[in-house]
Amino acid sequence: MIALLFCFGGSLFTSLFYVFSKLSQNNLAKREEPVKGCRLLCQPLFVVSILFLWVGSASNVMGISFGNQTLFATTSSFSLIINSFLGSIILRESLSRMDLIGIMIACLGSYLYLSIAKEKDAQYTQEELFAIFLRPAAVIFLLIASAFITFTLTYYKKIVRDL
């Protein structure tokens, strides 16, 4: 049960990262005069969204320490569902009937996968998972992912215009 809570918490915080980074980018785009220097990185909502990403990642690591990969993979699929609902509430995006049908199918598929999937006996300890999470490759991945997201959100309009 604890693993399930941590994994769902990880999905929630990761979804909050996406929604608040998009909200920050939207707020920046609404400004009449652009901010010189640090554009997106100086937005408080964007900084909060990066914190949500780190909390979500840490929560996922804690969830795996109490559960297994099958549980983590299944609950991570709920990020899409949470993103859809948070996007409609916070960003005021609309949900179509097809979106709702897709959400129901994803919930059903996740439930079936979680209830049928086989478990392996191998489980990691909390210390082993933190060691994996803090390996140079994992830290570099998180830094590159954060830099890529920051770059993409900062230069989104230019990228779209140049396509």
N, C-alpha and C. Protein backbone atom coordinates (compact mmCIF):
# COMPACT_ATOMS: atom_id res chain seq x y z
N MET A 1 0.83 -1.20 0.00
CA MET A 1 0.00 0.00 0.00
C MET A 1 0.87 1.26 0.00
N ILE A 2 1.96 1.23 0.78
CA ILE A 2 2.86 2.39 0.82
C ILE A 2 3.49 2.61 -0.55
N ALA A 3 3.87 1.50 -1.21
CA ALA A 3 4.47 1.62 -2.55
C ALA A 3 3.49 2.27 -3.52
N LEU A 4 2.23 1.88 -3.44
CA LEU A 4 1.21 2.43 -4.31
C LEU A 4 1.05 3.93 -4.08
N LEU A 5 1.04 4.35 -2.82
CA LEU A 5 0.92 5.79 -2.50
C LEU A 5 2.11 6.58 -3.03
N PHE A 6 3.31 6.05 -2.84
CA PHE A 6 4.50 6.74 -3.34
C PHE A 6 4.48 6.83 -4.87
N CYS A 7 4.11 5.74 -5.53
CA CYS A 7 4.09 5.75 -7.00
C CYS A 7 3.02 6.70 -7.54
N PHE A 8 1.84 6.70 -6.92
CA PHE A 8 0.81 7.66 -7.35
C PHE A 8 1.24 9.09 -7.04
N GLY A 9 1.91 9.28 -5.89
CA GLY A 9 2.44 10.61 -5.57
C GLY A 9 3.45 11.05 -6.60
N GLY A 10 4.32 10.11 -7.04
CA GLY A 10 5.29 10.43 -8.08
C GLY A 10 4.61 10.84 -9.37
N SER A 11 3.55 10.13 -9.74
CA SER A 11 2.80 10.48 -10.95
C SER A 11 2.14 11.84 -10.81
N LEU A 12 1.58 12.12 -9.64
CA LEU A 12 0.94 13.41 -9.41
C LEU A 12 1.94 14.55 -9.50
N PHE A 13 3.07 14.42 -8.82
CA PHE A 13 4.05 15.51 -8.84
C PHE A 13 4.68 15.68 -10.22
N THR A 14 4.87 14.58 -10.94
CA THR A 14 5.40 14.70 -12.30
C THR A 14 4.39 15.41 -13.19
N SER A 15 3.12 15.11 -13.01
CA SER A 15 2.08 15.78 -13.78
C SER A 15 2.01 17.26 -13.42
N LEU A 16 2.16 17.57 -12.14
CA LEU A 16 2.18 18.98 -11.73
C LEU A 16 3.34 19.72 -12.37
N PHE A 17 4.47 19.02 -12.54
CA PHE A 17 5.61 19.62 -13.24
C PHE A 17 5.20 20.05 -14.64
N TYR A 18 4.59 19.15 -15.39
CA TYR A 18 4.21 19.48 -16.77
C TYR A 18 3.20 20.63 -16.82
N VAL A 19 2.21 20.58 -15.96
CA VAL A 19 1.16 21.60 -16.00
C VAL A 19 1.70 22.96 -15.60
N PHE A 20 2.50 23.02 -14.53
CA PHE A 20 3.00 24.32 -14.08
C PHE A 20 4.08 24.87 -15.01
N SER A 21 4.87 23.99 -15.67
CA SER A 21 5.81 24.53 -16.64
C SER A 21 5.08 25.11 -17.84
N LYS A 22 3.99 24.46 -18.26
CA LYS A 22 3.20 25.01 -19.36
C LYS A 22 2.51 26.30 -18.95
N LEU A 23 2.00 26.35 -17.72
CA LEU A 23 1.37 27.57 -17.22
C LEU A 23 2.38 28.71 -17.16
N SER A 24 3.59 28.41 -16.73
CA SER A 24 4.64 29.43 -16.68
C SER A 24 4.98 29.93 -18.08
N GLN A 25 5.07 29.03 -19.03
CA GLN A 25 5.36 29.41 -20.40
C GLN A 25 4.21 30.24 -20.98
N ASN A 26 2.98 29.86 -20.66
CA ASN A 26 1.82 30.64 -21.12
C ASN A 26 1.83 32.05 -20.53
N ASN A 27 2.15 32.16 -19.24
CA ASN A 27 2.21 33.48 -18.60
C ASN A 27 3.30 34.34 -19.22
N LEU A 28 4.41 33.73 -19.54
CA LEU A 28 5.51 34.47 -20.17
C LEU A 28 5.11 34.95 -21.56
N ALA A 29 4.38 34.14 -22.29
CA ALA A 29 3.95 34.50 -23.63
C ALA A 29 2.93 35.64 -23.61
N LYS A 30 2.18 35.80 -22.52
CA LYS A 30 1.15 36.85 -22.42
C LYS A 30 1.74 38.22 -22.14
N ARG A 31 2.97 38.27 -21.67
CA ARG A 31 3.57 39.57 -21.34
C ARG A 31 3.72 40.41 -22.60
N GLU A 32 3.44 41.70 -22.45
CA GLU A 32 3.54 42.60 -23.59
C GLU A 32 4.99 42.90 -23.94
N GLU A 33 5.80 43.14 -22.94
CA GLU A 33 7.22 43.36 -23.23
C GLU A 33 8.02 42.20 -22.65
N PRO A 34 8.89 41.63 -23.45
CA PRO A 34 9.64 40.46 -22.99
C PRO A 34 10.62 40.81 -21.88
N VAL A 35 10.84 39.84 -21.02
CA VAL A 35 11.80 40.00 -19.93
C VAL A 35 13.18 39.77 -20.52
N LYS A 36 14.08 40.72 -20.29
CA LYS A 36 15.44 40.56 -20.81
C LYS A 36 16.25 39.70 -19.86
N GLY A 37 17.20 38.97 -20.43
CA GLY A 37 18.05 38.13 -19.59
C GLY A 37 17.43 36.76 -19.39
N CYS A 38 17.17 36.43 -18.14
CA CYS A 38 16.64 35.10 -17.83
C CYS A 38 15.13 35.11 -18.00
N ARG A 39 14.67 34.54 -19.06
CA ARG A 39 13.24 34.58 -19.36
C ARG A 39 12.47 33.55 -18.54
N LEU A 40 12.59 32.31 -18.92
CA LEU A 40 11.79 31.27 -18.28
C LEU A 40 12.31 30.91 -16.90
N LEU A 41 13.62 30.89 -16.75
CA LEU A 41 14.21 30.48 -15.47
C LEU A 41 13.88 31.44 -14.34
N CYS A 42 13.53 32.67 -14.66
CA CYS A 42 13.18 33.65 -13.62
C CYS A 42 11.70 33.59 -13.24
N GLN A 43 10.94 32.74 -13.89
CA GLN A 43 9.53 32.62 -13.57
C GLN A 43 9.35 31.75 -12.33
N PRO A 44 8.72 32.27 -11.28
CA PRO A 44 8.54 31.47 -10.06
C PRO A 44 7.79 30.16 -10.31
N LEU A 45 6.79 30.19 -11.19
CA LEU A 45 6.04 28.96 -11.48
C LEU A 45 6.94 27.90 -12.12
N PHE A 46 7.87 28.33 -12.94
CA PHE A 46 8.77 27.37 -13.58
C PHE A 46 9.71 26.75 -12.56
N VAL A 47 10.21 27.56 -11.63
CA VAL A 47 11.09 27.04 -10.58
C VAL A 47 10.32 26.03 -9.72
N VAL A 48 9.06 26.35 -9.39
CA VAL A 48 8.22 25.44 -8.62
C VAL A 48 8.00 24.15 -9.41
N SER A 49 7.80 24.27 -10.71
CA SER A 49 7.57 23.07 -11.53
C SER A 49 8.80 22.16 -11.52
N ILE A 50 10.00 22.73 -11.55
CA ILE A 50 11.22 21.91 -11.49
C ILE A 50 11.28 21.19 -10.13
N LEU A 51 10.87 21.88 -9.08
CA LEU A 51 10.82 21.23 -7.76
C LEU A 51 9.83 20.06 -7.77
N PHE A 52 8.69 20.24 -8.44
CA PHE A 52 7.72 19.15 -8.57
C PHE A 52 8.34 17.95 -9.28
N LEU A 53 9.15 18.21 -10.31
CA LEU A 53 9.81 17.12 -11.03
C LEU A 53 10.73 16.34 -10.10
N TRP A 54 11.51 17.05 -9.30
CA TRP A 54 12.44 16.37 -8.39
C TRP A 54 11.69 15.60 -7.31
N VAL A 55 10.63 16.18 -6.75
CA VAL A 55 9.84 15.48 -5.73
C VAL A 55 9.16 14.25 -6.34
N GLY A 56 8.64 14.39 -7.56
CA GLY A 56 8.02 13.25 -8.23
C GLY A 56 9.01 12.13 -8.49
N SER A 57 10.21 12.49 -8.91
CA SER A 57 11.23 11.46 -9.16
C SER A 57 11.62 10.77 -7.86
N ALA A 58 11.81 11.54 -6.80
CA ALA A 58 12.16 10.95 -5.51
C ALA A 58 11.03 10.05 -4.99
N SER A 59 9.80 10.48 -5.18
CA SER A 59 8.66 9.68 -4.75
C SER A 59 8.59 8.36 -5.53
N ASN A 60 8.89 8.41 -6.82
CA ASN A 60 8.92 7.18 -7.61
C ASN A 60 10.01 6.23 -7.11
N VAL A 61 11.17 6.77 -6.76
CA VAL A 61 12.24 5.93 -6.22
C VAL A 61 11.80 5.29 -4.91
N MET A 62 11.15 6.06 -4.07
CA MET A 62 10.65 5.49 -2.81
C MET A 62 9.59 4.43 -3.07
N GLY A 63 8.74 4.66 -4.06
CA GLY A 63 7.71 3.67 -4.39
C GLY A 63 8.31 2.36 -4.85
N ILE A 64 9.36 2.44 -5.65
CA ILE A 64 10.02 1.22 -6.11
C ILE A 64 10.71 0.51 -4.95
N SER A 65 11.18 1.28 -3.97
CA SER A 65 11.85 0.63 -2.84
C SER A 65 10.87 -0.19 -2.01
N PHE A 66 9.59 0.20 -2.00
CA PHE A 66 8.58 -0.55 -1.26
C PHE A 66 7.83 -1.55 -2.14
N GLY A 67 7.86 -1.33 -3.44
CA GLY A 67 7.12 -2.20 -4.36
C GLY A 67 8.05 -2.79 -5.39
N ASN A 68 7.53 -2.99 -6.60
CA ASN A 68 8.34 -3.55 -7.66
C ASN A 68 8.12 -2.77 -8.95
N GLN A 69 8.86 -3.16 -9.99
CA GLN A 69 8.80 -2.45 -11.26
C GLN A 69 7.42 -2.54 -11.91
N THR A 70 6.74 -3.63 -11.73
CA THR A 70 5.41 -3.80 -12.30
C THR A 70 4.46 -2.75 -11.74
N LEU A 71 4.51 -2.57 -10.44
CA LEU A 71 3.67 -1.56 -9.80
C LEU A 71 4.03 -0.17 -10.30
N PHE A 72 5.32 0.11 -10.38
CA PHE A 72 5.78 1.42 -10.84
C PHE A 72 5.35 1.70 -12.27
N ALA A 73 5.53 0.72 -13.16
CA ALA A 73 5.17 0.92 -14.57
C ALA A 73 3.67 1.17 -14.72
N THR A 74 2.89 0.45 -13.96
CA THR A 74 1.44 0.60 -14.07
C THR A 74 0.97 1.94 -13.53
N THR A 75 1.46 2.33 -12.37
CA THR A 75 1.01 3.59 -11.79
C THR A 75 1.57 4.79 -12.56
N SER A 76 2.70 4.62 -13.23
CA SER A 76 3.24 5.72 -14.03
C SER A 76 2.34 6.04 -15.21
N SER A 77 1.60 5.07 -15.69
CA SER A 77 0.68 5.34 -16.80
C SER A 77 -0.43 6.30 -16.37
N PHE A 78 -0.64 6.41 -15.08
CA PHE A 78 -1.66 7.35 -14.59
C PHE A 78 -1.22 8.81 -14.73
N SER A 79 0.06 9.04 -15.02
CA SER A 79 0.51 10.41 -15.27
C SER A 79 -0.25 11.03 -16.42
N LEU A 80 -0.51 10.26 -17.47
CA LEU A 80 -1.28 10.78 -18.61
C LEU A 80 -2.68 11.16 -18.19
N ILE A 81 -3.27 10.36 -17.34
CA ILE A 81 -4.63 10.63 -16.89
C ILE A 81 -4.65 11.88 -16.00
N ILE A 82 -3.69 11.93 -15.08
CA ILE A 82 -3.61 13.09 -14.19
C ILE A 82 -3.32 14.34 -14.99
N ASN A 83 -2.42 14.24 -16.00
CA ASN A 83 -2.13 15.40 -16.86
C ASN A 83 -3.38 15.91 -17.55
N SER A 84 -4.20 15.00 -18.03
CA SER A 84 -5.42 15.40 -18.73
C SER A 84 -6.34 16.18 -17.80
N PHE A 85 -6.55 15.66 -16.60
CA PHE A 85 -7.46 16.35 -15.67
C PHE A 85 -6.87 17.66 -15.15
N LEU A 86 -5.59 17.67 -14.81
CA LEU A 86 -4.98 18.91 -14.33
C LEU A 86 -4.93 19.96 -15.44
N GLY A 87 -4.68 19.50 -16.67
CA GLY A 87 -4.68 20.43 -17.80
C GLY A 87 -6.04 21.07 -18.00
N SER A 88 -7.09 20.29 -17.81
CA SER A 88 -8.42 20.87 -17.98
C SER A 88 -8.79 21.79 -16.83
N ILE A 89 -8.29 21.51 -15.64
CA ILE A 89 -8.62 22.34 -14.48
C ILE A 89 -7.74 23.58 -14.41
N ILE A 90 -6.42 23.40 -14.45
CA ILE A 90 -5.50 24.52 -14.24
C ILE A 90 -5.28 25.33 -15.52
N LEU A 91 -5.09 24.64 -16.65
CA LEU A 91 -4.82 25.33 -17.90
C LEU A 91 -6.09 25.64 -18.69
N ARG A 92 -7.22 25.17 -18.19
CA ARG A 92 -8.53 25.38 -18.83
C ARG A 92 -8.57 24.80 -20.25
N GLU A 93 -7.92 23.65 -20.41
CA GLU A 93 -8.00 22.94 -21.68
C GLU A 93 -9.24 22.06 -21.65
N SER A 94 -9.81 21.83 -22.81
CA SER A 94 -11.05 21.05 -22.84
C SER A 94 -10.75 19.57 -23.01
N LEU A 95 -11.60 18.75 -22.43
CA LEU A 95 -11.53 17.30 -22.58
C LEU A 95 -12.68 16.87 -23.48
N SER A 96 -12.35 16.19 -24.56
CA SER A 96 -13.40 15.71 -25.46
C SER A 96 -13.91 14.35 -24.99
N ARG A 97 -14.94 13.89 -25.65
CA ARG A 97 -15.48 12.59 -25.32
C ARG A 97 -14.43 11.50 -25.60
N MET A 98 -13.65 11.67 -26.68
CA MET A 98 -12.60 10.70 -27.00
C MET A 98 -11.50 10.71 -25.93
N ASP A 99 -11.20 11.87 -25.37
CA ASP A 99 -10.23 11.93 -24.27
C ASP A 99 -10.71 11.11 -23.08
N LEU A 100 -11.98 11.28 -22.74
CA LEU A 100 -12.55 10.54 -21.60
C LEU A 100 -12.58 9.04 -21.87
N ILE A 101 -12.89 8.65 -23.10
CA ILE A 101 -12.88 7.23 -23.45
C ILE A 101 -11.45 6.69 -23.35
N GLY A 102 -10.48 7.45 -23.84
CA GLY A 102 -9.08 7.05 -23.74
C GLY A 102 -8.62 6.90 -22.30
N ILE A 103 -9.07 7.81 -21.45
CA ILE A 103 -8.72 7.74 -20.02
C ILE A 103 -9.31 6.47 -19.40
N MET A 104 -10.55 6.17 -19.74
CA MET A 104 -11.17 4.95 -19.19
C MET A 104 -10.45 3.70 -19.67
N ILE A 105 -10.04 3.67 -20.95
CA ILE A 105 -9.31 2.51 -21.47
C ILE A 105 -7.95 2.38 -20.79
N ALA A 106 -7.27 3.51 -20.56
CA ALA A 106 -5.97 3.48 -19.87
C ALA A 106 -6.13 2.97 -18.44
N CYS A 107 -7.17 3.41 -17.76
CA CYS A 107 -7.43 2.93 -16.39
C CYS A 107 -7.69 1.43 -16.38
N LEU A 108 -8.52 0.97 -17.32
CA LEU A 108 -8.83 -0.45 -17.39
C LEU A 108 -7.58 -1.27 -17.71
N GLY A 109 -6.80 -0.81 -18.68
CA GLY A 109 -5.57 -1.50 -19.04
C GLY A 109 -4.58 -1.56 -17.89
N SER A 110 -4.44 -0.46 -17.17
CA SER A 110 -3.53 -0.43 -16.02
C SER A 110 -4.00 -1.38 -14.94
N TYR A 111 -5.29 -1.40 -14.69
CA TYR A 111 -5.84 -2.31 -13.68
C TYR A 111 -5.60 -3.76 -14.06
N LEU A 112 -5.88 -4.09 -15.32
CA LEU A 112 -5.68 -5.47 -15.78
C LEU A 112 -4.20 -5.86 -15.73
N TYR A 113 -3.33 -4.97 -16.15
CA TYR A 113 -1.90 -5.27 -16.14
C TYR A 113 -1.41 -5.50 -14.71
N LEU A 114 -1.84 -4.64 -13.80
CA LEU A 114 -1.41 -4.75 -12.41
C LEU A 114 -1.94 -6.01 -11.76
N SER A 115 -3.15 -6.41 -12.10
CA SER A 115 -3.73 -7.59 -11.46
C SER A 115 -3.26 -8.90 -12.06
N ILE A 116 -2.76 -8.88 -13.30
CA ILE A 116 -2.37 -10.12 -13.97
C ILE A 116 -0.85 -10.31 -14.02
N ALA A 117 -0.09 -9.23 -14.02
CA ALA A 117 1.36 -9.31 -14.23
C ALA A 117 2.04 -10.18 -13.18
N LYS A 118 3.10 -10.86 -13.62
CA LYS A 118 3.85 -11.72 -12.71
C LYS A 118 4.87 -10.88 -11.96
N GLU A 119 5.15 -11.31 -10.76
CA GLU A 119 6.15 -10.63 -9.94
C GLU A 119 7.42 -11.47 -9.90
N LYS A 120 8.56 -10.79 -9.94
CA LYS A 120 9.83 -11.47 -9.71
C LYS A 120 10.15 -11.32 -8.23
N ASP A 121 10.94 -12.24 -7.73
CA ASP A 121 11.31 -12.18 -6.33
C ASP A 121 12.36 -11.12 -6.03
N ALA A 122 13.09 -10.65 -7.05
CA ALA A 122 14.15 -9.67 -6.83
C ALA A 122 13.55 -8.32 -6.46
N GLN A 123 13.98 -7.81 -5.32
CA GLN A 123 13.57 -6.48 -4.90
C GLN A 123 14.80 -5.73 -4.41
N TYR A 124 14.80 -4.43 -4.65
CA TYR A 124 15.91 -3.60 -4.23
C TYR A 124 15.64 -3.01 -2.86
N THR A 125 16.69 -2.79 -2.12
CA THR A 125 16.54 -2.09 -0.84
C THR A 125 16.50 -0.60 -1.12
N GLN A 126 16.10 0.14 -0.13
CA GLN A 126 16.03 1.59 -0.28
C GLN A 126 17.41 2.17 -0.57
N GLU A 127 18.44 1.65 0.07
CA GLU A 127 19.80 2.14 -0.14
C GLU A 127 20.26 1.85 -1.57
N GLU A 128 19.92 0.66 -2.08
CA GLU A 128 20.30 0.32 -3.45
C GLU A 128 19.61 1.22 -4.46
N LEU A 129 18.34 1.54 -4.21
CA LEU A 129 17.62 2.42 -5.13
C LEU A 129 18.17 3.84 -5.11
N PHE A 130 18.49 4.33 -3.92
CA PHE A 130 19.08 5.66 -3.85
C PHE A 130 20.44 5.69 -4.52
N ALA A 131 21.20 4.60 -4.39
CA ALA A 131 22.50 4.52 -5.07
C ALA A 131 22.30 4.54 -6.58
N ILE A 132 21.27 3.85 -7.07
CA ILE A 132 20.96 3.86 -8.50
C ILE A 132 20.52 5.26 -8.93
N PHE A 133 19.69 5.89 -8.13
CA PHE A 133 19.17 7.22 -8.45
C PHE A 133 20.28 8.27 -8.45
N LEU A 134 21.29 8.09 -7.61
CA LEU A 134 22.37 9.06 -7.50
C LEU A 134 23.60 8.70 -8.33
N ARG A 135 23.53 7.65 -9.12
CA ARG A 135 24.63 7.32 -10.02
C ARG A 135 24.86 8.48 -10.96
N PRO A 136 26.10 8.67 -11.40
CA PRO A 136 26.38 9.77 -12.33
C PRO A 136 25.48 9.74 -13.57
N ALA A 137 25.22 8.56 -14.11
CA ALA A 137 24.38 8.47 -15.31
C ALA A 137 22.95 8.97 -15.03
N ALA A 138 22.40 8.63 -13.87
CA ALA A 138 21.04 9.08 -13.53
C ALA A 138 21.00 10.58 -13.30
N VAL A 139 22.00 11.10 -12.61
CA VAL A 139 22.06 12.55 -12.35
C VAL A 139 22.23 13.30 -13.67
N ILE A 140 23.11 12.79 -14.52
CA ILE A 140 23.32 13.43 -15.83
C ILE A 140 22.03 13.39 -16.64
N PHE A 141 21.33 12.27 -16.60
CA PHE A 141 20.06 12.18 -17.32
C PHE A 141 19.07 13.24 -16.83
N LEU A 142 18.92 13.37 -15.51
CA LEU A 142 17.99 14.37 -14.96
C LEU A 142 18.40 15.78 -15.35
N LEU A 143 19.70 16.06 -15.32
CA LEU A 143 20.18 17.39 -15.70
C LEU A 143 19.94 17.66 -17.18
N ILE A 144 20.22 16.67 -18.03
CA ILE A 144 19.99 16.84 -19.47
C ILE A 144 18.50 16.99 -19.75
N ALA A 145 17.68 16.18 -19.09
CA ALA A 145 16.23 16.29 -19.29
C ALA A 145 15.72 17.66 -18.85
N SER A 146 16.21 18.15 -17.72
CA SER A 146 15.80 19.48 -17.23
C SER A 146 16.27 20.56 -18.20
N ALA A 147 17.50 20.44 -18.69
CA ALA A 147 18.02 21.44 -19.64
C ALA A 147 17.23 21.40 -20.95
N PHE A 148 16.91 20.20 -21.42
CA PHE A 148 16.14 20.08 -22.66
C PHE A 148 14.75 20.69 -22.51
N ILE A 149 14.11 20.41 -21.40
CA ILE A 149 12.77 20.97 -21.16
C ILE A 149 12.84 22.48 -21.05
N THR A 150 13.84 22.98 -20.34
CA THR A 150 14.01 24.44 -20.21
C THR A 150 14.25 25.08 -21.57
N PHE A 151 15.15 24.49 -22.36
CA PHE A 151 15.46 25.01 -23.69
C PHE A 151 14.22 24.99 -24.58
N THR A 152 13.50 23.88 -24.57
CA THR A 152 12.32 23.75 -25.42
C THR A 152 11.25 24.76 -25.04
N LEU A 153 10.99 24.90 -23.75
CA LEU A 153 9.97 25.85 -23.33
C LEU A 153 10.41 27.30 -23.57
N THR A 154 11.69 27.56 -23.44
CA THR A 154 12.20 28.92 -23.65
C THR A 154 12.11 29.32 -25.11
N TYR A 155 12.45 28.41 -26.00
CA TYR A 155 12.51 28.74 -27.43
C TYR A 155 11.38 28.10 -28.24
N TYR A 156 10.28 27.78 -27.58
CA TYR A 156 9.16 27.11 -28.23
C TYR A 156 8.64 27.88 -29.44
N LYS A 157 8.40 29.16 -29.28
CA LYS A 157 7.85 29.95 -30.37
C LYS A 157 8.81 30.00 -31.57
N LYS A 158 10.08 30.17 -31.29
CA LYS A 158 11.06 30.23 -32.36
C LYS A 158 11.16 28.89 -33.07
N ILE A 159 11.12 27.81 -32.34
CA ILE A 159 11.20 26.47 -32.94
C ILE A 159 9.99 26.23 -33.84
N VAL A 160 8.80 26.56 -33.37
CA VAL A 160 7.59 26.38 -34.16
C VAL A 160 7.59 27.29 -35.39
N ARG A 161 8.03 28.51 -35.21
CA ARG A 161 8.06 29.46 -36.32
C ARG A 161 9.03 28.99 -37.40
N ASP A 162 10.17 28.42 -37.00
CA ASP A 162 11.17 27.97 -37.97
C ASP A 162 10.78 26.68 -38.68
N LEU A 163 9.84 25.93 -38.12
CA LEU A 163 9.39 24.72 -38.81
C LEU A 163 8.55 25.12 -39.97
